[in-house]
Amino acid sequence: MDTNPDISLIIDKLTPYQISQALDISLDDATALIAGKLKLEELDENTSRLLIDLNDKLGS
């Protein structure tokens, strides 16, 4: 897995609620992810992969 993927599209285009629903994470975690307080590496591997895939789809 890329150690530093660019996930800016998902952060710029989706609300914390939308991110929490899409990734099945808490609203607090989604908010922390957007604020930069929660890093991609801190998420479990499946959630990280889903986040990267969703970000890629938003960019297509």
N, C-alpha and C. Protein backbone atom coordinates (compact mmCIF):
# COMPACT_ATOMS: atom_id res chain seq x y z
N MET A 1 0.84 -1.17 0.00
CA MET A 1 0.00 0.00 0.00
C MET A 1 0.89 1.24 0.00
N ASP A 2 0.46 2.26 -0.71
CA ASP A 2 1.17 3.53 -0.74
C ASP A 2 1.25 4.07 0.67
N THR A 3 2.44 4.49 1.10
CA THR A 3 2.59 4.95 2.47
C THR A 3 2.11 6.37 2.67
N ASN A 4 1.92 7.13 1.60
CA ASN A 4 1.46 8.51 1.74
C ASN A 4 0.55 8.88 0.58
N PRO A 5 -0.59 8.22 0.44
CA PRO A 5 -1.48 8.52 -0.68
C PRO A 5 -2.16 9.87 -0.51
N ASP A 6 -2.50 10.48 -1.63
CA ASP A 6 -3.20 11.76 -1.62
C ASP A 6 -4.70 11.48 -1.50
N ILE A 7 -5.28 11.86 -0.38
CA ILE A 7 -6.71 11.64 -0.17
C ILE A 7 -7.47 12.97 -0.13
N SER A 8 -6.90 13.97 -0.77
CA SER A 8 -7.48 15.31 -0.70
C SER A 8 -8.86 15.40 -1.35
N LEU A 9 -9.12 14.62 -2.39
CA LEU A 9 -10.43 14.71 -3.05
C LEU A 9 -11.56 14.34 -2.11
N ILE A 10 -11.41 13.25 -1.39
CA ILE A 10 -12.47 12.84 -0.48
C ILE A 10 -12.65 13.86 0.63
N ILE A 11 -11.55 14.43 1.09
CA ILE A 11 -11.62 15.42 2.16
C ILE A 11 -12.25 16.72 1.67
N ASP A 12 -11.97 17.10 0.43
CA ASP A 12 -12.51 18.34 -0.12
C ASP A 12 -13.96 18.22 -0.57
N LYS A 13 -14.38 17.04 -1.02
CA LYS A 13 -15.70 16.89 -1.64
C LYS A 13 -16.78 16.32 -0.74
N LEU A 14 -16.40 15.63 0.33
CA LEU A 14 -17.40 14.98 1.18
C LEU A 14 -17.41 15.58 2.58
N THR A 15 -18.57 15.53 3.19
CA THR A 15 -18.70 15.99 4.58
C THR A 15 -18.22 14.89 5.52
N PRO A 16 -17.94 15.24 6.76
CA PRO A 16 -17.57 14.20 7.72
C PRO A 16 -18.63 13.10 7.82
N TYR A 17 -19.90 13.48 7.78
CA TYR A 17 -20.97 12.48 7.85
C TYR A 17 -20.90 11.52 6.66
N GLN A 18 -20.72 12.06 5.47
CA GLN A 18 -20.64 11.21 4.28
C GLN A 18 -19.44 10.27 4.35
N ILE A 19 -18.33 10.78 4.81
CA ILE A 19 -17.13 9.95 4.96
C ILE A 19 -17.37 8.85 5.99
N SER A 20 -17.98 9.22 7.11
CA SER A 20 -18.23 8.21 8.15
C SER A 20 -19.15 7.11 7.65
N GLN A 21 -20.15 7.47 6.86
CA GLN A 21 -21.07 6.47 6.32
C GLN A 21 -20.39 5.61 5.26
N ALA A 22 -19.62 6.22 4.39
CA ALA A 22 -18.97 5.48 3.30
C ALA A 22 -17.92 4.51 3.82
N LEU A 23 -17.23 4.89 4.88
CA LEU A 23 -16.13 4.07 5.39
C LEU A 23 -16.51 3.26 6.62
N ASP A 24 -17.73 3.46 7.11
CA ASP A 24 -18.19 2.79 8.32
C ASP A 24 -17.26 3.07 9.50
N ILE A 25 -16.96 4.37 9.67
CA ILE A 25 -16.19 4.82 10.82
C ILE A 25 -17.03 5.83 11.58
N SER A 26 -16.62 6.17 12.77
CA SER A 26 -17.39 7.12 13.57
C SER A 26 -17.30 8.52 12.97
N LEU A 27 -18.29 9.32 13.28
CA LEU A 27 -18.29 10.71 12.83
C LEU A 27 -17.09 11.45 13.43
N ASP A 28 -16.75 11.13 14.66
CA ASP A 28 -15.58 11.75 15.29
C ASP A 28 -14.29 11.40 14.54
N ASP A 29 -14.16 10.15 14.12
CA ASP A 29 -12.98 9.75 13.35
C ASP A 29 -12.95 10.43 11.99
N ALA A 30 -14.10 10.55 11.35
CA ALA A 30 -14.16 11.22 10.05
C ALA A 30 -13.78 12.69 10.19
N THR A 31 -14.27 13.33 11.24
CA THR A 31 -13.94 14.73 11.50
C THR A 31 -12.44 14.88 11.78
N ALA A 32 -11.89 13.96 12.56
CA ALA A 32 -10.46 13.99 12.87
C ALA A 32 -9.62 13.75 11.61
N LEU A 33 -10.10 12.89 10.73
CA LEU A 33 -9.40 12.63 9.46
C LEU A 33 -9.33 13.90 8.63
N ILE A 34 -10.43 14.61 8.52
CA ILE A 34 -10.47 15.86 7.76
C ILE A 34 -9.56 16.91 8.39
N ALA A 35 -9.57 16.97 9.71
CA ALA A 35 -8.76 17.96 10.43
C ALA A 35 -7.27 17.60 10.45
N GLY A 36 -6.94 16.41 9.99
CA GLY A 36 -5.54 15.98 10.00
C GLY A 36 -5.08 15.41 11.32
N LYS A 37 -6.01 15.22 12.25
CA LYS A 37 -5.66 14.67 13.56
C LYS A 37 -5.59 13.15 13.54
N LEU A 38 -6.26 12.54 12.56
CA LEU A 38 -6.23 11.09 12.38
C LEU A 38 -5.56 10.82 11.04
N LYS A 39 -4.52 10.05 11.07
CA LYS A 39 -3.76 9.74 9.86
C LYS A 39 -4.25 8.44 9.24
N LEU A 40 -4.07 8.34 7.94
CA LEU A 40 -4.47 7.16 7.19
C LEU A 40 -3.85 5.89 7.79
N GLU A 41 -2.61 5.98 8.24
CA GLU A 41 -1.92 4.84 8.81
C GLU A 41 -2.57 4.33 10.09
N GLU A 42 -3.34 5.19 10.74
CA GLU A 42 -3.99 4.81 11.99
C GLU A 42 -5.29 4.02 11.77
N LEU A 43 -5.79 4.03 10.54
CA LEU A 43 -7.00 3.27 10.22
C LEU A 43 -6.62 1.83 9.93
N ASP A 44 -7.58 0.92 10.11
CA ASP A 44 -7.27 -0.47 9.76
C ASP A 44 -7.08 -0.57 8.25
N GLU A 45 -6.46 -1.66 7.83
CA GLU A 45 -6.08 -1.79 6.42
C GLU A 45 -7.28 -1.75 5.48
N ASN A 46 -8.37 -2.40 5.84
CA ASN A 46 -9.56 -2.40 4.98
C ASN A 46 -10.15 -1.00 4.82
N THR A 47 -10.21 -0.26 5.92
CA THR A 47 -10.74 1.10 5.87
C THR A 47 -9.82 2.00 5.05
N SER A 48 -8.53 1.84 5.23
CA SER A 48 -7.56 2.62 4.45
C SER A 48 -7.72 2.36 2.96
N ARG A 49 -7.84 1.09 2.59
CA ARG A 49 -7.99 0.72 1.18
C ARG A 49 -9.29 1.29 0.62
N LEU A 50 -10.37 1.20 1.39
CA LEU A 50 -11.66 1.74 0.96
C LEU A 50 -11.57 3.26 0.77
N LEU A 51 -10.90 3.93 1.67
CA LEU A 51 -10.72 5.37 1.58
C LEU A 51 -9.94 5.75 0.32
N ILE A 52 -8.88 5.04 0.04
CA ILE A 52 -8.07 5.31 -1.15
C ILE A 52 -8.88 5.03 -2.42
N ASP A 53 -9.61 3.92 -2.43
CA ASP A 53 -10.43 3.58 -3.60
C ASP A 53 -11.52 4.62 -3.84
N LEU A 54 -12.18 5.05 -2.78
CA LEU A 54 -13.22 6.07 -2.92
C LEU A 54 -12.63 7.38 -3.41
N ASN A 55 -11.49 7.75 -2.88
CA ASN A 55 -10.82 8.97 -3.32
C ASN A 55 -10.47 8.89 -4.81
N ASP A 56 -9.98 7.74 -5.24
CA ASP A 56 -9.64 7.54 -6.65
C ASP A 56 -10.88 7.65 -7.54
N LYS A 57 -11.99 7.10 -7.09
CA LYS A 57 -13.23 7.17 -7.87
C LYS A 57 -13.76 8.60 -7.97
N LEU A 58 -13.57 9.37 -6.92
CA LEU A 58 -13.99 10.78 -6.97
C LEU A 58 -13.15 11.55 -7.97
N GLY A 59 -11.92 11.11 -8.20
CA GLY A 59 -11.03 11.78 -9.13
C GLY A 59 -11.22 11.36 -10.58
N SER A 60 -11.99 10.30 -10.83
CA SER A 60 -12.17 9.84 -12.21
C SER A 60 -13.29 10.55 -12.91
